[in-house]
């Protein structure tokens, strides 16, 4: 015997839900991108300060 797989027919409610989920996913992605960019900037700044500290300590 073959089983029939139930098929959902997406109505307008399903489309609205998908659009809302897509917007939420986009907002979360943008927030994560900004947080990661900010943290990368802090790390790069800290590395530059540390390198300058090492150079000054060696030459002074």
PDB file of N, CA and C in Angstrom:
ATOM      1  N   UNK A   1       0.833  -1.180   0.000  1.00  0.00           N
ATOM      2  CA  UNK A   1       0.000   0.000   0.000  1.00  0.00           C
ATOM      3  C   UNK A   1       0.878   1.244   0.000  1.00  0.00           C
ATOM      4  N   UNK A   2       0.421   2.226  -0.698  1.00  0.00           N
ATOM      5  CA  UNK A   2       1.161   3.488  -0.735  1.00  0.00           C
ATOM      6  C   UNK A   2       0.508   4.474   0.209  1.00  0.00           C
ATOM      7  N   UNK A   3       1.353   5.225   0.854  1.00  0.00           N
ATOM      8  CA  UNK A   3       0.844   6.258   1.762  1.00  0.00           C
ATOM      9  C   UNK A   3       0.818   7.587   1.040  1.00  0.00           C
ATOM     10  N   UNK A   4      -0.222   8.305   1.282  1.00  0.00           N
ATOM     11  CA  UNK A   4      -0.287   9.645   0.712  1.00  0.00           C
ATOM     12  C   UNK A   4       0.300  10.628   1.703  1.00  0.00           C
ATOM     13  N   UNK A   5       1.183  11.481   1.203  1.00  0.00           N
ATOM     14  CA  UNK A   5       1.781  12.506   2.043  1.00  0.00           C
ATOM     15  C   UNK A   5       0.822  13.684   2.079  1.00  0.00           C
ATOM     16  N   UNK A   6       0.440  14.107   3.288  1.00  0.00           N
ATOM     17  CA  UNK A   6      -0.472  15.261   3.340  1.00  0.00           C
ATOM     18  C   UNK A   6       0.202  16.509   2.786  1.00  0.00           C
ATOM     19  N   UNK A   7      -0.515  17.187   1.932  1.00  0.00           N
ATOM     20  CA  UNK A   7       0.023  18.382   1.290  1.00  0.00           C
ATOM     21  C   UNK A   7      -0.687  19.590   1.862  1.00  0.00           C
ATOM     22  N   UNK A   8       0.100  20.529   2.341  1.00  0.00           N
ATOM     23  CA  UNK A   8      -0.494  21.771   2.853  1.00  0.00           C
ATOM     24  C   UNK A   8      -0.624  22.758   1.713  1.00  0.00           C
ATOM     25  N   UNK A   9      -1.773  23.317   1.600  1.00  0.00           N
ATOM     26  CA  UNK A   9      -1.938  24.381   0.623  1.00  0.00           C
ATOM     27  C   UNK A   9      -1.798  25.694   1.361  1.00  0.00           C
ATOM     28  N   UNK A  10      -0.793  26.456   1.001  1.00  0.00           N
ATOM     29  CA  UNK A  10      -0.540  27.715   1.695  1.00  0.00           C
ATOM     30  C   UNK A  10      -1.527  28.772   1.262  1.00  0.00           C
ATOM     31  N   UNK A  11      -2.227  29.312   2.224  1.00  0.00           N
ATOM     32  CA  UNK A  11      -3.164  30.379   1.924  1.00  0.00           C
ATOM     33  C   UNK A  11      -2.524  31.725   2.159  1.00  0.00           C
ATOM     34  N   UNK A  12      -3.330  32.760   2.250  1.00  0.00           N
ATOM     35  CA  UNK A  12      -2.795  34.103   2.456  1.00  0.00           C
ATOM     36  C   UNK A  12      -2.184  34.234   3.846  1.00  0.00           C
ATOM     37  N   UNK A  13      -2.737  33.518   4.827  1.00  0.00           N
ATOM     38  CA  UNK A  13      -2.167  33.541   6.169  1.00  0.00           C
ATOM     39  C   UNK A  13      -0.767  32.966   6.176  1.00  0.00           C
ATOM     40  N   UNK A  14      -0.563  31.904   5.409  1.00  0.00           N
ATOM     41  CA  UNK A  14       0.753  31.288   5.326  1.00  0.00           C
ATOM     42  C   UNK A  14       1.747  32.240   4.658  1.00  0.00           C
ATOM     43  N   UNK A  15       1.288  32.960   3.654  1.00  0.00           N
ATOM     44  CA  UNK A  15       2.161  33.914   2.966  1.00  0.00           C
ATOM     45  C   UNK A  15       2.546  35.055   3.902  1.00  0.00           C
ATOM     46  N   UNK A  16       1.587  35.537   4.671  1.00  0.00           N
ATOM     47  CA  UNK A  16       1.876  36.609   5.625  1.00  0.00           C
ATOM     48  C   UNK A  16       2.845  36.123   6.699  1.00  0.00           C
ATOM     49  N   UNK A  17       2.658  34.886   7.153  1.00  0.00           N
ATOM     50  CA  UNK A  17       3.561  34.321   8.158  1.00  0.00           C
ATOM     51  C   UNK A  17       4.972  34.193   7.591  1.00  0.00           C
ATOM     52  N   UNK A  18       5.088  33.721   6.357  1.00  0.00           N
ATOM     53  CA  UNK A  18       6.404  33.595   5.732  1.00  0.00           C
ATOM     54  C   UNK A  18       7.069  34.957   5.560  1.00  0.00           C
ATOM     55  N   UNK A  19       6.301  35.965   5.182  1.00  0.00           N
ATOM     56  CA  UNK A  19       6.856  37.308   5.017  1.00  0.00           C
ATOM     57  C   UNK A  19       7.330  37.856   6.356  1.00  0.00           C
ATOM     58  N   UNK A  20       6.546  37.622   7.413  1.00  0.00           N
ATOM     59  CA  UNK A  20       6.935  38.084   8.746  1.00  0.00           C
ATOM     60  C   UNK A  20       8.206  37.387   9.212  1.00  0.00           C
ATOM     61  N   UNK A  21       8.285  36.080   8.991  1.00  0.00           N
ATOM     62  CA  UNK A  21       9.489  35.342   9.380  1.00  0.00           C
ATOM     63  C   UNK A  21      10.701  35.808   8.586  1.00  0.00           C
ATOM     64  N   UNK A  22      10.501  36.128   7.320  1.00  0.00           N
ATOM     65  CA  UNK A  22      11.597  36.623   6.493  1.00  0.00           C
ATOM     66  C   UNK A  22      12.083  37.976   6.996  1.00  0.00           C
ATOM     67  N   UNK A  23      11.170  38.856   7.358  1.00  0.00           N
ATOM     68  CA  UNK A  23      11.549  40.171   7.897  1.00  0.00           C
ATOM     69  C   UNK A  23      12.284  40.009   9.220  1.00  0.00           C
ATOM     70  N   UNK A  24      11.792  39.140  10.098  1.00  0.00           N
ATOM     71  CA  UNK A  24      12.459  38.903  11.378  1.00  0.00           C
ATOM     72  C   UNK A  24      13.857  38.328  11.175  1.00  0.00           C
ATOM     73  N   UNK A  25      13.995  37.394  10.239  1.00  0.00           N
ATOM     74  CA  UNK A  25      15.307  36.814   9.954  1.00  0.00           C
ATOM     75  C   UNK A  25      16.261  37.877   9.427  1.00  0.00           C
ATOM     76  N   UNK A  26      15.765  38.780   8.596  1.00  0.00           N
ATOM     77  CA  UNK A  26      16.595  39.858   8.057  1.00  0.00           C
ATOM     78  C   UNK A  26      17.059  40.790   9.173  1.00  0.00           C
ATOM     79  N   UNK A  27      16.145  41.138  10.086  1.00  0.00           N
ATOM     80  CA  UNK A  27      16.504  42.031  11.198  1.00  0.00           C
ATOM     81  C   UNK A  27      17.556  41.378  12.087  1.00  0.00           C
ATOM     82  N   UNK A  28      17.376  40.097  12.393  1.00  0.00           N
ATOM     83  CA  UNK A  28      18.354  39.385  13.226  1.00  0.00           C
ATOM     84  C   UNK A  28      19.701  39.320  12.522  1.00  0.00           C
ATOM     85  N   UNK A  29      19.700  39.067  11.211  1.00  0.00           N
ATOM     86  CA  UNK A  29      20.952  38.998  10.465  1.00  0.00           C
ATOM     87  C   UNK A  29      21.670  40.345  10.480  1.00  0.00           C
ATOM     88  N   UNK A  30      20.940  41.429  10.309  1.00  0.00           N
ATOM     89  CA  UNK A  30      21.555  42.763  10.331  1.00  0.00           C
ATOM     90  C   UNK A  30      22.126  43.066  11.710  1.00  0.00           C
ATOM     91  N   UNK A  31      21.390  42.732  12.763  1.00  0.00           N
ATOM     92  CA  UNK A  31      21.887  42.969  14.121  1.00  0.00           C
ATOM     93  C   UNK A  31      23.152  42.161  14.389  1.00  0.00           C
ATOM     94  N   UNK A  32      23.155  40.895  13.984  1.00  0.00           N
ATOM     95  CA  UNK A  32      24.349  40.068  14.182  1.00  0.00           C
ATOM     96  C   UNK A  32      25.527  40.614  13.387  1.00  0.00           C
ATOM     97  N   UNK A  33      25.262  41.065  12.157  1.00  0.00           N
ATOM     98  CA  UNK A  33      26.321  41.636  11.329  1.00  0.00           C
ATOM     99  C   UNK A  33      26.924  42.860  12.015  1.00  0.00           C
ATOM    100  N   UNK A  34      26.075  43.716  12.587  1.00  0.00           N
ATOM    101  CA  UNK A  34      26.573  44.912  13.276  1.00  0.00           C
ATOM    102  C   UNK A  34      27.363  44.551  14.523  1.00  0.00           C
ATOM    103  N   UNK A  35      26.879  43.588  15.285  1.00  0.00           N
ATOM    104  CA  UNK A  35      27.586  43.171  16.505  1.00  0.00           C
ATOM    105  C   UNK A  35      28.937  42.572  16.152  1.00  0.00           C
ATOM    106  N   UNK A  36      28.969  41.700  15.142  1.00  0.00           N
ATOM    107  CA  UNK A  36      30.227  41.074  14.735  1.00  0.00           C
ATOM    108  C   UNK A  36      31.182  42.129  14.195  1.00  0.00           C
ATOM    109  N   UNK A  37      30.665  43.081  13.426  1.00  0.00           N
ATOM    110  CA  UNK A  37      31.513  44.159  12.909  1.00  0.00           C
ATOM    111  C   UNK A  37      32.073  45.016  14.025  1.00  0.00           C
ATOM    112  N   UNK A  38      31.257  45.313  15.027  1.00  0.00           N
ATOM    113  CA  UNK A  38      31.723  46.109  16.170  1.00  0.00           C
ATOM    114  C   UNK A  38      32.802  45.360  16.938  1.00  0.00           C
ATOM    115  N   UNK A  39      32.568  44.074  17.192  1.00  0.00           N
ATOM    116  CA  UNK A  39      33.555  43.281  17.932  1.00  0.00           C
ATOM    117  C   UNK A  39      34.856  43.146  17.146  1.00  0.00           C
ATOM    118  N   UNK A  40      34.757  42.991  15.830  1.00  0.00           N
ATOM    119  CA  UNK A  40      35.965  42.911  15.011  1.00  0.00           C
ATOM    120  C   UNK A  40      36.728  44.227  15.081  1.00  0.00           C
ATOM    121  N   UNK A  41      36.026  45.340  15.072  1.00  0.00           N
ATOM    122  CA  UNK A  41      36.680  46.643  15.199  1.00  0.00           C
ATOM    123  C   UNK A  41      37.393  46.794  16.525  1.00  0.00           C
ATOM    124  N   UNK A  42      36.769  46.330  17.602  1.00  0.00           N
ATOM    125  CA  UNK A  42      37.399  46.399  18.925  1.00  0.00           C
ATOM    126  C   UNK A  42      38.654  45.540  18.957  1.00  0.00           C
ATOM    127  N   UNK A  43      38.584  44.346  18.384  1.00  0.00           N
ATOM    128  CA  UNK A  43      39.745  43.447  18.369  1.00  0.00           C
ATOM    129  C   UNK A  43      40.878  44.050  17.557  1.00  0.00           C
ATOM    130  N   UNK A  44      40.573  44.618  16.396  1.00  0.00           N
ATOM    131  CA  UNK A  44      41.613  45.236  15.564  1.00  0.00           C
ATOM    132  C   UNK A  44      42.238  46.415  16.299  1.00  0.00           C
ATOM    133  N   UNK A  45      41.428  47.236  16.949  1.00  0.00           N
ATOM    134  CA  UNK A  45      41.943  48.371  17.716  1.00  0.00           C
ATOM    135  C   UNK A  45      42.860  47.888  18.834  1.00  0.00           C
ATOM    136  N   UNK A  46      42.445  46.841  19.556  1.00  0.00           N
ATOM    137  CA  UNK A  46      43.264  46.309  20.649  1.00  0.00           C
ATOM    138  C   UNK A  46      44.586  45.762  20.120  1.00  0.00           C
ATOM    139  N   UNK A  47      44.560  45.095  18.979  1.00  0.00           N
ATOM    140  CA  UNK A  47      45.798  44.569  18.395  1.00  0.00           C
ATOM    141  C   UNK A  47      46.744  45.694  17.999  1.00  0.00           C
ATOM    142  N   UNK A  48      46.208  46.761  17.416  1.00  0.00           N
ATOM    143  CA  UNK A  48      47.050  47.896  17.019  1.00  0.00           C
ATOM    144  C   UNK A  48      47.678  48.539  18.250  1.00  0.00           C
ATOM    145  N   UNK A  49      46.888  48.731  19.300  1.00  0.00           N
ATOM    146  CA  UNK A  49      47.423  49.316  20.533  1.00  0.00           C
ATOM    147  C   UNK A  49      48.510  48.419  21.109  1.00  0.00           C
ATOM    148  N   UNK A  50      48.307  47.112  21.097  1.00  0.00           N
ATOM    149  CA  UNK A  50      49.292  46.183  21.645  1.00  0.00           C
ATOM    150  C   UNK A  50      50.583  46.194  20.830  1.00  0.00           C
ATOM    151  N   UNK A  51      50.474  46.233  19.511  1.00  0.00           N
ATOM    152  CA  UNK A  51      51.667  46.281  18.656  1.00  0.00           C
ATOM    153  C   UNK A  51      52.438  47.571  18.904  1.00  0.00           C
ATOM    154  N   UNK A  52      51.738  48.693  19.002  1.00  0.00           N
ATOM    155  CA  UNK A  52      52.415  49.969  19.288  1.00  0.00           C
ATOM    156  C   UNK A  52      53.083  49.910  20.658  1.00  0.00           C
ATOM    157  N   UNK A  53      52.422  49.300  21.630  1.00  0.00           N
ATOM    158  CA  UNK A  53      53.007  49.144  22.967  1.00  0.00           C
ATOM    159  C   UNK A  53      54.295  48.323  22.894  1.00  0.00           C
ATOM    160  N   UNK A  54      54.281  47.219  22.153  1.00  0.00           N
ATOM    161  CA  UNK A  54      55.483  46.392  22.033  1.00  0.00           C
ATOM    162  C   UNK A  54      56.617  47.149  21.354  1.00  0.00           C
ATOM    163  N   UNK A  55      56.292  47.909  20.308  1.00  0.00           N
ATOM    164  CA  UNK A  55      57.323  48.675  19.593  1.00  0.00           C
ATOM    165  C   UNK A  55      57.918  49.730  20.510  1.00  0.00           C
ATOM    166  N   UNK A  56      57.083  50.459  21.223  1.00  0.00           N
ATOM    167  CA  UNK A  56      57.585  51.505  22.118  1.00  0.00           C
ATOM    168  C   UNK A  56      58.380  50.911  23.276  1.00  0.00           C
ATOM    169  N   UNK A  57      57.960  49.785  23.800  1.00  0.00           N
ATOM    170  CA  UNK A  57      58.677  49.163  24.912  1.00  0.00           C
ATOM    171  C   UNK A  57      60.061  48.695  24.480  1.00  0.00           C
ATOM    172  N   UNK A  58      60.165  48.214  23.246  1.00  0.00           N
ATOM    173  CA  UNK A  58      61.451  47.728  22.759  1.00  0.00           C
ATOM    174  C   UNK A  58      62.409  48.887  22.488  1.00  0.00           C
ATOM    175  N   UNK A  59      61.906  50.008  21.980  1.00  0.00           N
ATOM    176  CA  UNK A  59      62.780  51.103  21.550  1.00  0.00           C
ATOM    177  C   UNK A  59      62.969  52.180  22.602  1.00  0.00           C
ATOM    178  N   UNK A  60      62.245  52.154  23.674  1.00  0.00           N
ATOM    179  CA  UNK A  60      62.413  53.178  24.714  1.00  0.00           C
ATOM    180  C   UNK A  60      63.017  52.595  25.968  1.00  0.00           C
TER     181      UNK A  60
END
